[in-house]
């Protein structure tokens, strides 16, 4: 009986070895790289998702910190334990010393920033927070300068009006025609005509001038009233075809009020 011998491997012959590959036998580069490309896309997609997540988480953290920076840090009962920048800006704006106002706000700003920064959450949070605080600081600091200057101007107006009081008193109480009366009246006239006064009070300069001269006549009337009430009431009502003869700076309403 003949025994068949089977070979487990086919040995390549010269014919097989030298056979040219055909198009049907080749695998394209696109097909060959498809698995790797799919895996790369999967990784890129996951990376993008992670970045978006971290960006949103960071923005949420910064928005919460910004609210605290503006309105103040509160305890669990809602009580403000650290003054917010809105309040600091308001207080600084009321100061008449611009440098002191800027210093007050800057200290509040830097303190608030140092308190909030350690609690930020997210890998981009610090960068977002610094950008947000920088923008907030620019706007607030400009507002502080403007409002502090306005407060300074208002204080200057008060000081300027206060400086008029000695001349107002002398113009009202000194004898008309006297040296003292002339000096005090001239001082007031020069003050109202000065460019500095007009610049300080702007469109209200003429109103201030009228109110000042009316104040002189009111004080003069009160002074005359103490000396001779009958004569004073006669003087305040005396008039001719050109108008009232005395206390000529009184408005009709104020004259009526004094007569009654």
Protein backbone atom coordinates (compact mmCIF):
# COMPACT_ATOMS: atom_id res chain seq x y z
CA UNK A 1 0.00 0.00 0.00
CA UNK A 2 1.39 3.36 -1.03
CA UNK A 3 1.67 6.13 1.60
CA UNK A 4 0.83 9.79 0.56
CA UNK A 5 3.12 12.38 1.91
CA UNK A 6 1.53 15.88 2.46
CA UNK A 7 3.65 19.04 2.67
CA UNK A 8 2.53 21.58 5.26
CA UNK A 9 4.14 24.48 3.36
CA UNK A 10 4.22 25.25 -0.29
CA UNK A 11 7.66 26.10 -1.40
CA UNK A 12 7.71 28.98 -3.89
CA UNK A 13 8.82 28.03 -7.30
CA UNK A 14 10.69 30.22 -9.66
CA UNK A 15 7.38 30.85 -11.43
CA UNK A 16 5.64 32.14 -8.33
CA UNK A 17 8.61 34.16 -7.20
CA UNK A 18 8.95 36.03 -10.43
CA UNK A 19 5.25 36.64 -11.03
CA UNK A 20 4.46 40.40 -11.38
CA UNK A 21 1.94 41.89 -8.96
CA UNK A 22 -1.26 43.04 -10.61
CA UNK A 23 -3.58 45.96 -9.62
CA UNK A 24 -6.00 43.54 -8.10
CA UNK A 25 -3.30 42.19 -5.84
CA UNK A 26 -2.25 45.66 -4.45
CA UNK A 27 -3.61 47.48 -1.33
CA UNK A 28 -3.85 51.29 -1.72
CA UNK A 29 -2.04 53.62 0.72
CA UNK A 30 -5.39 55.18 1.66
CA UNK A 31 -6.80 51.80 2.62
CA UNK A 32 -3.66 50.86 4.45
CA UNK A 33 -3.63 54.06 6.49
CA UNK A 34 -7.37 54.10 7.26
CA UNK A 35 -7.15 52.36 10.66
CA UNK A 36 -4.41 54.70 11.87
CA UNK A 37 -6.26 57.74 10.58
CA UNK A 38 -9.47 56.70 12.30
CA UNK A 39 -7.60 56.23 15.54
CA UNK A 40 -5.95 59.66 15.15
CA UNK A 41 -9.30 61.32 14.48
CA UNK A 42 -10.72 59.69 17.56
CA UNK A 43 -7.87 61.07 19.65
CA UNK A 44 -8.20 64.57 18.11
CA UNK A 45 -11.93 64.59 18.73
CA UNK A 46 -11.39 63.61 22.34
CA UNK A 47 -8.74 66.30 22.73
CA UNK A 48 -11.04 68.98 21.31
CA UNK A 49 -13.81 67.90 23.65
CA UNK A 50 -11.47 68.13 26.62
CA UNK A 51 -10.26 71.60 25.59
CA UNK A 52 -13.85 72.84 25.21
CA UNK A 53 -14.73 71.41 28.59
CA UNK A 54 -11.75 73.12 30.26
CA UNK A 55 -12.49 76.43 28.51
CA UNK A 56 -16.10 76.43 29.66
CA UNK A 57 -15.16 75.36 33.17
CA UNK A 58 -12.57 78.14 33.32
CA UNK A 59 -15.03 80.75 32.01
CA UNK A 60 -17.65 79.70 34.55
CA UNK A 61 -15.13 80.07 37.34
CA UNK A 62 -14.01 83.49 36.09
CA UNK A 63 -17.57 84.78 35.70
CA UNK A 64 -18.31 83.82 39.30
CA UNK A 65 -15.09 85.48 40.44
CA UNK A 66 -15.92 88.63 38.45
CA UNK A 67 -19.29 88.89 40.18
CA UNK A 68 -17.56 88.63 43.54
CA UNK A 69 -14.97 91.19 42.50
CA UNK A 70 -17.64 93.70 41.51
CA UNK A 71 -20.21 93.12 44.25
CA UNK A 72 -18.02 91.88 47.08
CA UNK A 73 -17.20 88.58 48.72
CA UNK A 74 -20.04 87.32 50.89
CA UNK A 75 -20.31 84.78 53.68
CA UNK A 76 -22.75 81.88 53.70
CA UNK A 77 -25.49 84.17 55.02
CA UNK A 78 -25.11 86.65 52.19
CA UNK A 79 -23.31 89.29 54.23
CA UNK A 80 -20.53 91.18 52.46
CA UNK A 81 -17.25 90.47 54.22
CA UNK A 82 -14.94 92.05 51.61
CA UNK A 83 -15.94 95.28 49.89
CA UNK A 84 -16.60 94.95 46.16
CA UNK A 85 -14.94 97.09 43.51
CA UNK A 86 -18.22 98.88 42.75
CA UNK A 87 -18.26 100.24 46.29
CA UNK A 88 -14.55 101.01 46.20
CA UNK A 89 -15.04 102.86 42.91
CA UNK A 90 -17.92 104.89 44.37
CA UNK A 91 -15.97 105.85 47.50
CA UNK A 92 -12.85 106.74 45.52
CA UNK A 93 -14.92 108.85 43.13
CA UNK A 94 -16.14 111.01 46.01
CA UNK A 95 -12.59 111.87 47.05
CA UNK A 96 -11.34 115.31 46.05
CA UNK A 97 -7.70 114.23 45.95
CA UNK A 98 -7.27 112.35 42.66
CA UNK A 99 -4.04 110.60 43.70
CA UNK A 100 -5.57 109.45 46.98
CA UNK A 101 -8.62 108.21 45.07
CA UNK A 102 -6.49 106.20 42.65
CA UNK A 103 -4.49 104.72 45.53
CA UNK A 104 -7.65 103.70 47.39
CA UNK A 105 -9.10 101.93 44.35
CA UNK A 106 -5.80 100.29 43.36
CA UNK A 107 -5.38 98.82 46.83
CA UNK A 108 -8.94 97.47 46.77
CA UNK A 109 -8.39 96.07 43.26
CA UNK A 110 -5.13 94.30 44.08
CA UNK A 111 -6.51 92.92 47.33
CA UNK A 112 -9.61 91.55 45.62
CA UNK A 113 -7.56 89.96 42.86
CA UNK A 114 -5.22 88.23 45.30
CA UNK A 115 -8.19 86.87 47.29
CA UNK A 116 -10.04 85.42 44.28
CA UNK A 117 -7.18 84.05 42.20
CA UNK A 118 -6.33 81.00 44.38
CA UNK A 119 -9.91 79.68 44.14
CA UNK A 120 -10.12 79.72 40.35
CA UNK A 121 -11.03 76.40 38.73
CA UNK A 122 -9.86 75.36 35.25
CA UNK A 123 -6.56 75.23 33.41
CA UNK A 124 -7.39 78.41 31.46
CA UNK A 125 -8.99 80.22 34.41
CA UNK A 126 -5.97 82.26 35.46
CA UNK A 127 -5.43 83.61 31.94
CA UNK A 128 -9.14 84.45 31.53
CA UNK A 129 -9.23 86.00 35.00
CA UNK A 130 -6.22 88.25 34.40
CA UNK A 131 -7.72 89.47 31.13
CA UNK A 132 -11.13 90.09 32.72
CA UNK A 133 -9.68 91.94 35.71
CA UNK A 134 -7.43 94.05 33.49
CA UNK A 135 -10.41 95.22 31.43
CA UNK A 136 -12.47 95.86 34.57
CA UNK A 137 -9.62 97.81 36.14
CA UNK A 138 -9.15 100.04 33.08
CA UNK A 139 -12.82 101.06 33.03
CA UNK A 140 -13.05 101.53 36.79
CA UNK A 141 -9.83 103.51 37.13
CA UNK A 142 -10.91 105.89 34.38
CA UNK A 143 -14.26 106.35 36.15
CA UNK A 144 -12.47 107.04 39.45
CA UNK A 145 -10.35 109.77 37.84
CA UNK A 146 -13.34 111.47 36.23
CA UNK A 147 -15.57 111.34 39.32
CA UNK A 148 -12.76 112.37 41.66
CA UNK A 149 -12.03 115.38 39.47
CA UNK A 150 -15.73 116.30 39.51
CA UNK A 151 -15.71 116.05 43.29
CA UNK A 152 -12.64 118.28 43.34
CA UNK A 153 -14.42 120.86 41.18
CA UNK A 154 -17.48 120.81 43.47
CA UNK A 155 -15.23 121.33 46.48
CA UNK A 156 -13.50 124.18 44.64
CA UNK A 157 -16.87 125.84 44.05
CA UNK A 158 -17.70 125.63 47.74
CA UNK A 159 -14.31 127.11 48.65
CA UNK A 160 -14.73 129.88 46.07
CA UNK A 161 -18.19 130.85 47.33
CA UNK A 162 -16.95 130.75 50.91
CA UNK A 163 -14.23 133.24 50.00
CA UNK A 164 -16.91 135.73 48.87
CA UNK A 165 -18.58 135.91 52.28
CA UNK A 166 -16.36 138.66 53.84
CA UNK A 167 -16.95 140.99 50.89
CA UNK A 168 -20.68 140.15 50.83
CA UNK A 169 -20.97 141.06 54.50
CA UNK A 170 -19.04 144.33 54.10
CA UNK A 171 -20.98 145.30 50.96
CA UNK A 172 -24.24 144.75 52.83
CA UNK A 173 -23.40 146.35 56.18
CA UNK A 174 -20.99 149.18 55.41
CA UNK A 175 -22.21 152.67 54.57
CA UNK A 176 -22.81 153.15 50.87
CA UNK A 177 -20.14 155.46 49.45
CA UNK A 178 -17.61 154.52 52.12
CA UNK A 179 -14.15 153.18 51.24
CA UNK A 180 -14.99 149.82 52.80
CA UNK A 181 -18.18 149.55 50.78
CA UNK A 182 -16.40 150.45 47.55
CA UNK A 183 -13.55 147.98 48.11
CA UNK A 184 -15.86 145.09 48.92
CA UNK A 185 -18.13 145.86 45.95
CA UNK A 186 -15.16 146.13 43.59
CA UNK A 187 -13.78 142.83 44.87
CA UNK A 188 -17.05 141.10 44.03
CA UNK A 189 -17.25 142.69 40.59
CA UNK A 190 -13.68 141.64 39.78
CA UNK A 191 -14.35 138.12 40.97
CA UNK A 192 -17.45 137.71 38.78
CA UNK A 193 -15.62 139.12 35.74
CA UNK A 194 -12.57 136.87 36.10
CA UNK A 195 -12.07 134.05 33.52
CA UNK A 196 -11.20 131.66 36.35
CA UNK A 197 -14.58 132.21 38.03
CA UNK A 198 -16.45 131.78 34.75
CA UNK A 199 -14.55 128.60 33.95
CA UNK A 200 -15.18 127.15 37.41
CA UNK A 201 -18.94 127.76 37.41
CA UNK A 202 -19.50 127.51 33.68
CA UNK A 203 -23.06 128.18 32.56
CA UNK A 204 -24.10 128.88 36.16
CA UNK A 205 -21.64 131.76 36.62
CA UNK A 206 -24.27 134.44 35.89
CA UNK A 207 -26.78 132.78 38.18
CA UNK A 208 -24.22 132.70 41.00
CA UNK A 209 -23.50 136.38 40.41
CA UNK A 210 -27.20 137.27 40.57
CA UNK A 211 -27.75 135.18 43.70
CA UNK A 212 -24.75 136.81 45.36
CA UNK A 213 -25.97 140.37 44.73
CA UNK A 214 -29.43 139.35 45.86
CA UNK A 215 -27.85 137.94 49.01
CA UNK A 216 -26.15 141.30 49.58
CA UNK A 217 -29.52 143.09 49.41
CA UNK A 218 -31.20 140.51 51.67
CA UNK A 219 -28.49 141.00 54.27
CA UNK A 220 -28.69 144.78 53.83
CA UNK A 221 -32.48 144.67 54.33
CA UNK A 222 -32.09 142.62 57.52
CA UNK A 223 -29.45 145.04 58.80
CA UNK A 224 -31.64 148.08 58.00
CA UNK A 225 -34.65 146.39 59.55
CA UNK A 226 -32.88 146.17 62.89
CA UNK A 227 -32.05 149.86 62.77
CA UNK A 228 -35.42 151.25 61.64
CA UNK A 229 -38.20 148.85 60.65
CA UNK A 230 -40.66 151.56 59.49
CA UNK A 231 -38.15 153.27 57.23
CA UNK A 232 -36.92 149.93 55.90
CA UNK A 233 -40.41 148.79 54.85
CA UNK A 234 -40.92 152.17 53.22
CA UNK A 235 -37.64 151.83 51.30
CA UNK A 236 -38.34 148.31 50.03
CA UNK A 237 -41.64 149.46 48.51
CA UNK A 238 -40.43 152.81 47.13
CA UNK A 239 -40.30 153.00 43.34
CA UNK A 240 -40.57 155.41 40.43
CA UNK A 241 -41.07 155.00 36.68
CA UNK A 242 -37.69 153.26 36.35
CA UNK A 243 -38.44 150.69 39.04
CA UNK A 244 -37.62 150.11 42.69
CA UNK A 245 -35.26 152.64 44.27
CA UNK A 246 -33.71 150.41 46.93
CA UNK A 247 -32.58 146.80 47.17
CA UNK A 248 -32.50 146.68 43.37
CA UNK A 249 -30.99 143.20 43.19
CA UNK A 250 -34.00 141.49 44.78
CA UNK A 251 -36.09 139.26 42.55
CA UNK A 252 -39.84 140.03 42.54
CA UNK A 253 -40.53 136.84 44.48
CA UNK A 254 -37.92 137.58 47.15
CA UNK A 255 -39.08 141.21 47.49
CA UNK A 256 -42.67 140.05 47.96
CA UNK A 257 -41.49 137.51 50.53
CA UNK A 258 -39.60 140.17 52.52
CA UNK A 259 -42.49 142.65 52.43
CA UNK A 260 -44.92 140.06 53.72
